[in-house]
Every structure is written in C-alpha cells, then in structure tokens.
Amino acid sequence: MKHRSFWVLVLGLWFGVLGLIVSCATTNQPFSDYRSPVYQLSPQWVMEKIETCRISEGMTIEQCRLSWAGSDSYFQKVRSDSRGYELWRVENAGRVLYLHVQNGVVTLISEYRR
C-alpha cells in the first residue's frame, strides 16, 4: 500500500509539472519580465498566475496581457460603458476568450467555442 501511494504522488507531481510546461508552451512565451511594474506591484497569487501563463478573475487587463504576452496574443476592447464595464476579446494559441471587466478588474471569463 505504501508503494502505491508513493507512485500516485510521483505521477501526480509529474503530470503537474507537465501541465505547467504545456500551459506556457501554448502561449509561445516563457515569462521573463520580472522587472515590470505590473508584475512587481501584483499580489503573490497574481504573480503565480503570470509566471504560469494563466489568467483568472480578479486580475487586471494589464496583468492578463503580461501573463499572455507573446507573438500570438491579441487583446481587443470590444465594448465599454460609462459605469466602468468593459468587454475584451482575447486570442491566444487558438483560444478565444471574452473578459468581462468591471472597474478595471476581470469579473468573468467566457470562452468562445466554434
């Protein structure tokens, strides 16, 4: 039983590392801009997202751009209103996401599927 638990742990760590590599590889961008004020002024959880090339609710558009910086990334503001709402269309590695932003913070992420 002890050996089975050990191998489950080893395989879990292996697939976790593999997932991190695939995540950054799909963006064509290893993160390297640690001197950026956007990065340095971010909370720890956002720094971790940026380092692993991921975006999530609670991040700003600037943090999302830094996380998904690369030659195949495309950010476009689609809509905005006077109450602080913005809708952004983001393309990266064949994925199309819509970022719903309220007062500068992403509040919802929806994915467009063809």
N, C-alpha and C. Protein backbone atom coordinates (compact mmCIF):
# COMPACT_ATOMS: atom_id res chain seq x y z
N MET A 1 0.82 -1.19 0.00
CA MET A 1 0.00 0.00 0.00
C MET A 1 0.86 1.26 0.00
N LYS A 2 1.98 1.23 0.74
CA LYS A 2 2.87 2.38 0.80
C LYS A 2 3.47 2.67 -0.57
N HIS A 3 3.82 1.60 -1.30
CA HIS A 3 4.42 1.79 -2.63
C HIS A 3 3.42 2.41 -3.60
N ARG A 4 2.17 2.00 -3.51
CA ARG A 4 1.14 2.55 -4.39
C ARG A 4 0.96 4.04 -4.13
N SER A 5 0.93 4.44 -2.87
CA SER A 5 0.81 5.86 -2.53
C SER A 5 1.99 6.66 -3.05
N PHE A 6 3.17 6.08 -2.95
CA PHE A 6 4.37 6.75 -3.45
C PHE A 6 4.26 7.00 -4.95
N TRP A 7 3.86 5.99 -5.71
CA TRP A 7 3.77 6.15 -7.16
C TRP A 7 2.65 7.09 -7.58
N VAL A 8 1.57 7.10 -6.83
CA VAL A 8 0.50 8.06 -7.10
C VAL A 8 1.01 9.48 -6.91
N LEU A 9 1.79 9.69 -5.84
CA LEU A 9 2.37 11.01 -5.59
C LEU A 9 3.35 11.39 -6.69
N VAL A 10 4.22 10.46 -7.09
CA VAL A 10 5.20 10.75 -8.15
C VAL A 10 4.49 11.09 -9.46
N LEU A 11 3.50 10.30 -9.84
CA LEU A 11 2.77 10.57 -11.08
C LEU A 11 2.02 11.89 -11.01
N GLY A 12 1.44 12.20 -9.85
CA GLY A 12 0.75 13.47 -9.69
C GLY A 12 1.69 14.65 -9.87
N LEU A 13 2.88 14.56 -9.29
CA LEU A 13 3.86 15.64 -9.45
C LEU A 13 4.31 15.75 -10.91
N TRP A 14 4.54 14.60 -11.56
CA TRP A 14 4.97 14.60 -12.96
C TRP A 14 3.93 15.28 -13.85
N PHE A 15 2.66 14.91 -13.70
CA PHE A 15 1.63 15.50 -14.54
C PHE A 15 1.41 16.96 -14.19
N GLY A 16 1.63 17.35 -12.95
CA GLY A 16 1.54 18.76 -12.57
C GLY A 16 2.60 19.58 -13.27
N VAL A 17 3.83 19.08 -13.30
CA VAL A 17 4.92 19.78 -13.99
C VAL A 17 4.65 19.80 -15.49
N LEU A 18 4.18 18.69 -16.03
CA LEU A 18 3.87 18.63 -17.45
C LEU A 18 2.78 19.64 -17.82
N GLY A 19 1.78 19.78 -16.96
CA GLY A 19 0.72 20.76 -17.20
C GLY A 19 1.25 22.17 -17.23
N LEU A 20 2.20 22.48 -16.36
CA LEU A 20 2.81 23.81 -16.34
C LEU A 20 3.56 24.06 -17.63
N ILE A 21 4.30 23.08 -18.11
CA ILE A 21 5.07 23.24 -19.35
C ILE A 21 4.12 23.44 -20.53
N VAL A 22 3.07 22.66 -20.61
CA VAL A 22 2.12 22.79 -21.72
C VAL A 22 1.44 24.14 -21.66
N SER A 23 1.12 24.61 -20.48
CA SER A 23 0.46 25.90 -20.34
C SER A 23 1.31 27.01 -20.94
N CYS A 24 2.58 27.07 -20.59
CA CYS A 24 3.44 28.12 -21.11
C CYS A 24 3.79 27.88 -22.58
N ALA A 25 3.92 26.63 -22.96
CA ALA A 25 4.28 26.34 -24.34
C ALA A 25 3.18 26.78 -25.30
N THR A 26 1.92 26.70 -24.88
CA THR A 26 0.85 27.08 -25.78
C THR A 26 0.80 28.59 -26.00
N THR A 27 1.43 29.36 -25.13
CA THR A 27 1.42 30.79 -25.32
C THR A 27 2.64 31.26 -26.11
N ASN A 28 3.57 30.34 -26.40
CA ASN A 28 4.79 30.70 -27.11
C ASN A 28 5.60 31.74 -26.36
N GLN A 29 5.51 31.75 -25.06
CA GLN A 29 6.15 32.81 -24.31
C GLN A 29 6.57 32.33 -22.94
N PRO A 30 7.88 32.17 -22.71
CA PRO A 30 8.31 31.95 -21.34
C PRO A 30 8.33 33.30 -20.63
N PHE A 31 7.75 33.37 -19.47
CA PHE A 31 7.67 34.65 -18.77
C PHE A 31 9.06 35.12 -18.41
N SER A 32 9.38 36.37 -18.68
CA SER A 32 10.72 36.87 -18.38
C SER A 32 10.74 38.32 -17.92
N ASP A 33 9.59 38.96 -17.81
CA ASP A 33 9.57 40.39 -17.48
C ASP A 33 9.31 40.62 -16.00
N TYR A 34 10.20 40.07 -15.16
CA TYR A 34 10.04 40.20 -13.72
C TYR A 34 10.26 41.64 -13.23
N ARG A 35 10.83 42.48 -14.06
CA ARG A 35 11.08 43.88 -13.67
C ARG A 35 9.90 44.78 -13.96
N SER A 36 8.90 44.28 -14.63
CA SER A 36 7.74 45.08 -14.99
C SER A 36 7.02 45.57 -13.73
N PRO A 37 6.66 46.86 -13.69
CA PRO A 37 5.88 47.36 -12.55
C PRO A 37 4.55 46.62 -12.38
N VAL A 38 3.94 46.20 -13.49
CA VAL A 38 2.69 45.45 -13.40
C VAL A 38 2.92 44.16 -12.61
N TYR A 39 4.03 43.50 -12.86
CA TYR A 39 4.37 42.26 -12.15
C TYR A 39 4.75 42.56 -10.70
N GLN A 40 5.65 43.50 -10.49
CA GLN A 40 6.18 43.76 -9.15
C GLN A 40 5.14 44.30 -8.18
N LEU A 41 4.13 45.00 -8.67
CA LEU A 41 3.10 45.55 -7.80
C LEU A 41 1.90 44.61 -7.63
N SER A 42 1.98 43.42 -8.22
CA SER A 42 0.89 42.45 -8.14
C SER A 42 0.97 41.64 -6.85
N PRO A 43 -0.20 41.20 -6.35
CA PRO A 43 -0.18 40.29 -5.21
C PRO A 43 0.45 38.94 -5.60
N GLN A 44 0.85 38.16 -4.62
CA GLN A 44 1.55 36.90 -4.86
C GLN A 44 0.75 35.95 -5.75
N TRP A 45 -0.56 35.85 -5.53
CA TRP A 45 -1.35 34.91 -6.33
C TRP A 45 -1.38 35.31 -7.80
N VAL A 46 -1.34 36.62 -8.08
CA VAL A 46 -1.31 37.09 -9.47
C VAL A 46 0.07 36.82 -10.07
N MET A 47 1.13 37.03 -9.30
CA MET A 47 2.48 36.71 -9.78
C MET A 47 2.57 35.25 -10.22
N GLU A 48 1.98 34.37 -9.43
CA GLU A 48 2.00 32.94 -9.78
C GLU A 48 1.23 32.69 -11.06
N LYS A 49 0.11 33.35 -11.25
CA LYS A 49 -0.65 33.21 -12.50
C LYS A 49 0.17 33.68 -13.69
N ILE A 50 0.82 34.84 -13.53
CA ILE A 50 1.63 35.39 -14.62
C ILE A 50 2.79 34.45 -14.95
N GLU A 51 3.46 33.92 -13.93
CA GLU A 51 4.59 33.02 -14.14
C GLU A 51 4.20 31.74 -14.85
N THR A 52 2.96 31.31 -14.67
CA THR A 52 2.49 30.07 -15.31
C THR A 52 1.63 30.34 -16.54
N CYS A 53 1.64 31.59 -17.01
CA CYS A 53 0.94 31.97 -18.23
C CYS A 53 -0.55 31.72 -18.17
N ARG A 54 -1.15 32.02 -17.05
CA ARG A 54 -2.59 31.81 -16.86
C ARG A 54 -3.25 33.14 -16.50
N ILE A 55 -4.53 33.23 -16.80
CA ILE A 55 -5.30 34.40 -16.39
C ILE A 55 -6.50 33.92 -15.59
N SER A 56 -7.03 34.81 -14.75
CA SER A 56 -8.20 34.44 -13.97
C SER A 56 -8.95 35.68 -13.54
N GLU A 57 -10.14 35.45 -13.03
CA GLU A 57 -10.93 36.54 -12.49
C GLU A 57 -10.16 37.17 -11.33
N GLY A 58 -10.31 38.48 -11.18
CA GLY A 58 -9.60 39.20 -10.14
C GLY A 58 -8.33 39.89 -10.63
N MET A 59 -7.89 39.55 -11.85
CA MET A 59 -6.71 40.20 -12.43
C MET A 59 -7.15 41.42 -13.22
N THR A 60 -6.22 42.33 -13.46
CA THR A 60 -6.49 43.47 -14.33
C THR A 60 -6.14 43.09 -15.77
N ILE A 61 -6.57 43.90 -16.71
CA ILE A 61 -6.23 43.65 -18.12
C ILE A 61 -4.71 43.70 -18.30
N GLU A 62 -4.03 44.62 -17.63
CA GLU A 62 -2.58 44.72 -17.76
C GLU A 62 -1.91 43.44 -17.27
N GLN A 63 -2.39 42.88 -16.17
CA GLN A 63 -1.84 41.63 -15.66
C GLN A 63 -2.11 40.49 -16.63
N CYS A 64 -3.30 40.46 -17.22
CA CYS A 64 -3.63 39.43 -18.22
C CYS A 64 -2.73 39.55 -19.44
N ARG A 65 -2.50 40.77 -19.88
CA ARG A 65 -1.61 40.98 -21.04
C ARG A 65 -0.20 40.49 -20.74
N LEU A 66 0.29 40.77 -19.55
CA LEU A 66 1.63 40.34 -19.18
C LEU A 66 1.69 38.82 -19.09
N SER A 67 0.64 38.21 -18.56
CA SER A 67 0.59 36.76 -18.44
C SER A 67 0.56 36.09 -19.80
N TRP A 68 -0.18 36.66 -20.73
CA TRP A 68 -0.31 36.07 -22.05
C TRP A 68 0.46 36.85 -23.11
N ALA A 69 1.55 37.49 -22.73
CA ALA A 69 2.37 38.22 -23.69
C ALA A 69 3.01 37.23 -24.66
N GLY A 70 3.00 37.56 -25.90
CA GLY A 70 3.61 36.70 -26.90
C GLY A 70 3.19 37.12 -28.29
N SER A 71 3.84 36.55 -29.27
CA SER A 71 3.58 36.97 -30.64
C SER A 71 2.20 36.55 -31.14
N ASP A 72 1.61 35.54 -30.50
CA ASP A 72 0.30 35.10 -30.97
C ASP A 72 -0.84 35.59 -30.08
N SER A 73 -0.58 36.53 -29.20
CA SER A 73 -1.62 37.08 -28.32
C SER A 73 -2.24 38.32 -28.94
N TYR A 74 -3.54 38.46 -28.74
CA TYR A 74 -4.25 39.60 -29.29
C TYR A 74 -5.33 40.02 -28.30
N PHE A 75 -5.27 41.26 -27.85
CA PHE A 75 -6.25 41.82 -26.93
C PHE A 75 -6.99 42.95 -27.63
N GLN A 76 -8.30 42.92 -27.60
CA GLN A 76 -9.10 43.98 -28.23
C GLN A 76 -10.27 44.33 -27.33
N LYS A 77 -10.38 45.63 -27.01
CA LYS A 77 -11.55 46.08 -26.26
C LYS A 77 -12.72 46.13 -27.22
N VAL A 78 -13.78 45.39 -26.91
CA VAL A 78 -14.95 45.29 -27.77
C VAL A 78 -15.99 46.32 -27.40
N ARG A 79 -16.16 46.54 -26.11
CA ARG A 79 -17.22 47.42 -25.66
C ARG A 79 -16.85 48.02 -24.30
N SER A 80 -17.38 49.21 -24.04
CA SER A 80 -17.23 49.82 -22.72
C SER A 80 -18.41 50.75 -22.49
N ASP A 81 -18.69 51.03 -21.23
CA ASP A 81 -19.76 51.97 -20.93
C ASP A 81 -19.30 52.95 -19.85
N SER A 82 -20.16 53.89 -19.52
CA SER A 82 -19.81 54.94 -18.57
C SER A 82 -19.82 54.46 -17.12
N ARG A 83 -20.30 53.23 -16.86
CA ARG A 83 -20.35 52.71 -15.50
C ARG A 83 -19.14 51.86 -15.15
N GLY A 84 -18.12 51.87 -15.99
CA GLY A 84 -16.89 51.13 -15.71
C GLY A 84 -16.84 49.72 -16.25
N TYR A 85 -17.82 49.33 -17.07
CA TYR A 85 -17.83 47.99 -17.65
C TYR A 85 -17.08 47.98 -18.98
N GLU A 86 -16.26 46.94 -19.19
CA GLU A 86 -15.57 46.74 -20.46
C GLU A 86 -15.67 45.27 -20.83
N LEU A 87 -15.73 45.02 -22.13
CA LEU A 87 -15.68 43.65 -22.65
C LEU A 87 -14.46 43.57 -23.56
N TRP A 88 -13.58 42.61 -23.28
CA TRP A 88 -12.36 42.41 -24.05
C TRP A 88 -12.41 41.06 -24.74
N ARG A 89 -11.95 41.03 -25.99
CA ARG A 89 -11.79 39.78 -26.74
C ARG A 89 -10.30 39.47 -26.76
N VAL A 90 -9.98 38.26 -26.35
CA VAL A 90 -8.58 37.85 -26.24
C VAL A 90 -8.37 36.59 -27.05
N GLU A 91 -7.36 36.59 -27.89
CA GLU A 91 -6.99 35.40 -28.66
C GLU A 91 -5.58 35.00 -28.26
N ASN A 92 -5.41 33.69 -28.04
CA ASN A 92 -4.09 33.19 -27.69
C ASN A 92 -4.04 31.70 -27.97
N ALA A 93 -3.09 31.29 -28.77
CA ALA A 93 -2.85 29.87 -29.08
C ALA A 93 -4.14 29.17 -29.52
N GLY A 94 -4.91 29.82 -30.37
CA GLY A 94 -6.11 29.22 -30.92
C GLY A 94 -7.34 29.32 -30.03
N ARG A 95 -7.21 29.90 -28.86
CA ARG A 95 -8.34 30.08 -27.96
C ARG A 95 -8.87 31.50 -28.07
N VAL A 96 -10.17 31.64 -27.96
CA VAL A 96 -10.81 32.96 -27.95
C VAL A 96 -11.57 33.09 -26.64
N LEU A 97 -11.19 34.07 -25.85
CA LEU A 97 -11.85 34.32 -24.57
C LEU A 97 -12.46 35.71 -24.58
N TYR A 98 -13.51 35.87 -23.81
CA TYR A 98 -14.07 37.19 -23.56
C TYR A 98 -13.90 37.49 -22.09
N LEU A 99 -13.25 38.61 -21.81
CA LEU A 99 -13.01 39.04 -20.44
C LEU A 99 -13.99 40.16 -20.12
N HIS A 100 -14.82 39.93 -19.13
CA HIS A 100 -15.77 40.94 -18.66
C HIS A 100 -15.09 41.67 -17.52
N VAL A 101 -14.93 42.97 -17.67
CA VAL A 101 -14.15 43.77 -16.72
C VAL A 101 -15.06 44.82 -16.10
N GLN A 102 -15.01 44.92 -14.79
CA GLN A 102 -15.76 45.95 -14.07
C GLN A 102 -14.78 46.75 -13.23
N ASN A 103 -14.71 48.06 -13.48
CA ASN A 103 -13.81 48.96 -12.77
C ASN A 103 -12.37 48.46 -12.78
N GLY A 104 -11.92 47.97 -13.94
CA GLY A 104 -10.53 47.58 -14.13
C GLY A 104 -10.16 46.17 -13.72
N VAL A 105 -11.12 45.39 -13.20
CA VAL A 105 -10.83 44.03 -12.72
C VAL A 105 -11.69 43.03 -13.49
N VAL A 106 -11.08 41.94 -13.93
CA VAL A 106 -11.80 40.89 -14.64
C VAL A 106 -12.76 40.22 -13.66
N THR A 107 -14.04 40.21 -14.01
CA THR A 107 -15.06 39.61 -13.14
C THR A 107 -15.62 38.32 -13.70
N LEU A 108 -15.46 38.11 -15.01
CA LEU A 108 -15.97 36.89 -15.63
C LEU A 108 -15.16 36.61 -16.89
N ILE A 109 -14.87 35.34 -17.10
CA ILE A 109 -14.16 34.90 -18.31
C ILE A 109 -15.05 33.87 -19.00
N SER A 110 -15.36 34.15 -20.26
CA SER A 110 -16.15 33.18 -21.03
C SER A 110 -15.35 32.82 -22.28
N GLU A 111 -15.47 31.58 -22.70
CA GLU A 111 -14.71 31.10 -23.85
C GLU A 111 -15.63 30.92 -25.04
N TYR A 112 -15.18 31.40 -26.20
CA TYR A 112 -15.91 31.21 -27.45
C TYR A 112 -15.47 29.89 -28.05
N ARG A 113 -16.42 29.02 -28.33
CA ARG A 113 -16.10 27.73 -28.94
C ARG A 113 -16.77 27.65 -30.30
N ARG A 114 -16.01 27.24 -31.29
CA ARG A 114 -16.54 27.13 -32.65
C ARG A 114 -17.16 25.80 -32.88
